[in-house]
Amino acid sequence: MDTMSLAIATVRPAASLAGAREGARAFLEGLVRPIAAEVADALVLIVSELVTNALRHGGGACTLDLTAHPDTIEVAVHDRSPHEPHTRTPDLHGGTGGFGWPMVNRLARATAVTRRPAGGKTVSALLAR
């Protein structure tokens, strides 16, 4: 299996986030050419962060697409918000976050934010295979 799309529409974000992680693991297990364990762990972490951000800041629903290319794997999360993720000072005491987007940028080979013609955006991360 070289490509796969997973759709998440949520009423309960916690259940959708768990489903996104499970879907990512199933996607990785179905690859014809398996990837290294550390890349798999990074991919699941990126999925978790991007889906969490989309659910929290993007209107409560999102779509997750995972695509395996010959040399890379792409994680793309689509949501309804036009606001791009941004780096901010992490909150060490109040629990409001600030760690995810910098972490995604460190783990991924490249990241991109693309506005969608119908509204909203797609946040993508590319990992070396």
C-alpha atoms as a PDB file:
ATOM      1  CA  MET A   1       0.000   0.000   0.000  1.00  0.00           C
ATOM      2  CA  ASP A   2       1.626   3.247  -1.111  1.00  0.00           C
ATOM      3  CA  THR A   3      -1.029   5.853  -0.315  1.00  0.00           C
ATOM      4  CA  MET A   4      -3.901   6.137   2.078  1.00  0.00           C
ATOM      5  CA  SER A   5      -6.287   8.873   3.208  1.00  0.00           C
ATOM      6  CA  LEU A   6      -7.896   8.999   6.613  1.00  0.00           C
ATOM      7  CA  ALA A   7     -10.824  11.303   7.357  1.00  0.00           C
ATOM      8  CA  ILE A   8     -11.614  12.587  10.829  1.00  0.00           C
ATOM      9  CA  ALA A   9     -14.834  14.402  11.648  1.00  0.00           C
ATOM     10  CA  THR A  10     -15.134  14.898  15.353  1.00  0.00           C
ATOM     11  CA  VAL A  11     -17.646  15.445  18.029  1.00  0.00           C
ATOM     12  CA  ARG A  12     -15.271  14.304  20.782  1.00  0.00           C
ATOM     13  CA  PRO A  13     -11.701  15.459  20.063  1.00  0.00           C
ATOM     14  CA  ALA A  14     -10.041  12.894  22.365  1.00  0.00           C
ATOM     15  CA  ALA A  15     -11.612   9.983  20.470  1.00  0.00           C
ATOM     16  CA  SER A  16     -10.662  11.526  17.123  1.00  0.00           C
ATOM     17  CA  LEU A  17      -7.084  12.118  18.212  1.00  0.00           C
ATOM     18  CA  ALA A  18      -6.722   8.498  19.314  1.00  0.00           C
ATOM     19  CA  GLY A  19      -8.241   7.421  15.997  1.00  0.00           C
ATOM     20  CA  ALA A  20      -5.777   9.586  14.078  1.00  0.00           C
ATOM     21  CA  ARG A  21      -2.832   7.991  15.887  1.00  0.00           C
ATOM     22  CA  GLU A  22      -4.235   4.491  15.331  1.00  0.00           C
ATOM     23  CA  GLY A  23      -4.846   5.295  11.669  1.00  0.00           C
ATOM     24  CA  ALA A  24      -1.274   6.538  11.281  1.00  0.00           C
ATOM     25  CA  ARG A  25       0.086   3.328  12.819  1.00  0.00           C
ATOM     26  CA  ALA A  26      -2.136   1.224  10.532  1.00  0.00           C
ATOM     27  CA  PHE A  27      -0.939   3.256   7.541  1.00  0.00           C
ATOM     28  CA  LEU A  28       2.689   2.579   8.491  1.00  0.00           C
ATOM     29  CA  GLU A  29       2.044  -1.136   8.987  1.00  0.00           C
ATOM     30  CA  GLY A  30       0.527  -1.312   5.504  1.00  0.00           C
ATOM     31  CA  LEU A  31       3.512   0.185   3.688  1.00  0.00           C
ATOM     32  CA  VAL A  32       5.188  -2.095   1.167  1.00  0.00           C
ATOM     33  CA  ARG A  33       8.565  -0.628   2.141  1.00  0.00           C
ATOM     34  CA  PRO A  34       8.611  -0.251   5.937  1.00  0.00           C
ATOM     35  CA  ILE A  35      10.295   2.742   7.539  1.00  0.00           C
ATOM     36  CA  ALA A  36      12.658   2.925  10.504  1.00  0.00           C
ATOM     37  CA  ALA A  37      11.094   2.847  13.976  1.00  0.00           C
ATOM     38  CA  GLU A  38      12.303   6.363  14.820  1.00  0.00           C
ATOM     39  CA  VAL A  39      10.690   7.764  11.652  1.00  0.00           C
ATOM     40  CA  ALA A  40       7.454   5.933  12.510  1.00  0.00           C
ATOM     41  CA  ASP A  41       7.512   7.413  16.029  1.00  0.00           C
ATOM     42  CA  ALA A  42       8.135  10.897  14.618  1.00  0.00           C
ATOM     43  CA  LEU A  43       5.265  10.503  12.143  1.00  0.00           C
ATOM     44  CA  VAL A  44       2.792   9.462  14.860  1.00  0.00           C
ATOM     45  CA  LEU A  45       3.931  12.385  17.032  1.00  0.00           C
ATOM     46  CA  ILE A  46       3.515  14.839  14.143  1.00  0.00           C
ATOM     47  CA  VAL A  47       0.046  13.443  13.385  1.00  0.00           C
ATOM     48  CA  SER A  48      -0.872  13.860  17.049  1.00  0.00           C
ATOM     49  CA  GLU A  49       0.350  17.463  17.194  1.00  0.00           C
ATOM     50  CA  LEU A  50      -1.175  18.611  13.899  1.00  0.00           C
ATOM     51  CA  VAL A  51      -4.539  16.966  14.571  1.00  0.00           C
ATOM     52  CA  THR A  52      -4.611  18.352  18.129  1.00  0.00           C
ATOM     53  CA  ASN A  53      -3.925  21.857  16.808  1.00  0.00           C
ATOM     54  CA  ALA A  54      -6.560  21.511  14.080  1.00  0.00           C
ATOM     55  CA  LEU A  55      -9.171  20.301  16.558  1.00  0.00           C
ATOM     56  CA  ARG A  56      -8.286  22.983  19.106  1.00  0.00           C
ATOM     57  CA  HIS A  57      -7.838  25.957  16.764  1.00  0.00           C
ATOM     58  CA  GLY A  58      -9.402  24.922  13.454  1.00  0.00           C
ATOM     59  CA  GLY A  59     -13.079  24.593  14.239  1.00  0.00           C
ATOM     60  CA  GLY A  60     -13.268  21.168  15.905  1.00  0.00           C
ATOM     61  CA  ALA A  61     -13.032  19.024  12.772  1.00  0.00           C
ATOM     62  CA  CYS A  62     -10.258  18.139  10.372  1.00  0.00           C
ATOM     63  CA  THR A  63      -9.178  15.733   7.680  1.00  0.00           C
ATOM     64  CA  LEU A  64      -5.901  13.826   7.840  1.00  0.00           C
ATOM     65  CA  ASP A  65      -4.132  12.610   4.687  1.00  0.00           C
ATOM     66  CA  LEU A  66      -1.052  10.402   4.796  1.00  0.00           C
ATOM     67  CA  THR A  67       0.849   9.785   1.575  1.00  0.00           C
ATOM     68  CA  ALA A  68       3.910   7.617   1.013  1.00  0.00           C
ATOM     69  CA  HIS A  69       6.217   8.829  -1.747  1.00  0.00           C
ATOM     70  CA  PRO A  70       9.365   6.952  -2.843  1.00  0.00           C
ATOM     71  CA  ASP A  71      11.669   8.966  -0.545  1.00  0.00           C
ATOM     72  CA  THR A  72       9.277  10.736   1.830  1.00  0.00           C
ATOM     73  CA  ILE A  73       6.041  10.429   3.754  1.00  0.00           C
ATOM     74  CA  GLU A  74       3.676  13.391   3.849  1.00  0.00           C
ATOM     75  CA  VAL A  75       1.302  14.244   6.675  1.00  0.00           C
ATOM     76  CA  ALA A  76      -1.388  16.776   5.686  1.00  0.00           C
ATOM     77  CA  VAL A  77      -4.099  18.077   8.005  1.00  0.00           C
ATOM     78  CA  HIS A  78      -6.923  20.195   6.578  1.00  0.00           C
ATOM     79  CA  ASP A  79      -9.111  22.392   8.797  1.00  0.00           C
ATOM     80  CA  ARG A  80     -11.548  25.291   8.467  1.00  0.00           C
ATOM     81  CA  SER A  81      -9.458  28.015  10.100  1.00  0.00           C
ATOM     82  CA  PRO A  82      -7.564  30.505   7.934  1.00  0.00           C
ATOM     83  CA  HIS A  83      -5.100  31.207  10.772  1.00  0.00           C
ATOM     84  CA  GLU A  84      -1.620  29.760  10.296  1.00  0.00           C
ATOM     85  CA  PRO A  85       0.217  28.047  13.134  1.00  0.00           C
ATOM     86  CA  HIS A  86       2.942  30.185  14.643  1.00  0.00           C
ATOM     87  CA  THR A  87       5.806  29.794  17.045  1.00  0.00           C
ATOM     88  CA  ARG A  88       5.221  31.245  20.470  1.00  0.00           C
ATOM     89  CA  THR A  89       6.961  31.084  23.809  1.00  0.00           C
ATOM     90  CA  PRO A  90       6.071  27.742  25.423  1.00  0.00           C
ATOM     91  CA  ASP A  91       3.939  28.019  28.554  1.00  0.00           C
ATOM     92  CA  LEU A  92       5.815  26.128  31.254  1.00  0.00           C
ATOM     93  CA  HIS A  93       3.285  26.793  34.018  1.00  0.00           C
ATOM     94  CA  GLY A  94      -0.193  27.507  32.627  1.00  0.00           C
ATOM     95  CA  GLY A  95      -0.642  24.482  30.391  1.00  0.00           C
ATOM     96  CA  THR A  96      -1.556  26.471  27.275  1.00  0.00           C
ATOM     97  CA  GLY A  97       1.046  24.806  25.053  1.00  0.00           C
ATOM     98  CA  GLY A  98       3.476  26.369  22.644  1.00  0.00           C
ATOM     99  CA  PHE A  99       5.612  23.232  22.226  1.00  0.00           C
ATOM    100  CA  GLY A 100       3.948  21.465  19.280  1.00  0.00           C
ATOM    101  CA  TRP A 101       4.666  23.630  16.234  1.00  0.00           C
ATOM    102  CA  PRO A 102       8.407  23.992  16.975  1.00  0.00           C
ATOM    103  CA  MET A 103       8.604  20.241  17.573  1.00  0.00           C
ATOM    104  CA  VAL A 104       6.873  19.477  14.256  1.00  0.00           C
ATOM    105  CA  ASN A 105       9.330  21.769  12.478  1.00  0.00           C
ATOM    106  CA  ARG A 106      12.296  20.006  14.108  1.00  0.00           C
ATOM    107  CA  LEU A 107      11.059  16.483  13.304  1.00  0.00           C
ATOM    108  CA  ALA A 108       9.984  17.153   9.713  1.00  0.00           C
ATOM    109  CA  ARG A 109      12.242  17.673   6.713  1.00  0.00           C
ATOM    110  CA  ALA A 110       9.892  20.478   5.650  1.00  0.00           C
ATOM    111  CA  THR A 111       6.579  22.019   6.688  1.00  0.00           C
ATOM    112  CA  ALA A 112       4.118  24.133   4.732  1.00  0.00           C
ATOM    113  CA  VAL A 113       0.830  25.931   5.271  1.00  0.00           C
ATOM    114  CA  THR A 114      -1.435  26.316   2.249  1.00  0.00           C
ATOM    115  CA  ARG A 115      -4.709  28.230   2.119  1.00  0.00           C
ATOM    116  CA  ARG A 116      -7.555  26.220   0.613  1.00  0.00           C
ATOM    117  CA  PRO A 117      -9.729  27.814  -2.116  1.00  0.00           C
ATOM    118  CA  ALA A 118     -12.925  26.805  -0.292  1.00  0.00           C
ATOM    119  CA  GLY A 119     -11.620  28.284   2.972  1.00  0.00           C
ATOM    120  CA  GLY A 120      -9.413  27.034   5.737  1.00  0.00           C
ATOM    121  CA  LYS A 121      -5.912  25.696   5.335  1.00  0.00           C
ATOM    122  CA  THR A 122      -3.738  22.618   4.993  1.00  0.00           C
ATOM    123  CA  VAL A 123      -0.760  22.140   7.274  1.00  0.00           C
ATOM    124  CA  SER A 124       1.741  19.658   5.824  1.00  0.00           C
ATOM    125  CA  ALA A 125       4.858  18.001   7.153  1.00  0.00           C
ATOM    126  CA  LEU A 126       7.274  15.940   5.063  1.00  0.00           C
ATOM    127  CA  LEU A 127       9.429  13.245   6.640  1.00  0.00           C
ATOM    128  CA  ALA A 128      12.378  11.509   5.044  1.00  0.00           C
ATOM    129  CA  ARG A 129      11.641   7.849   4.515  1.00  0.00           C
END
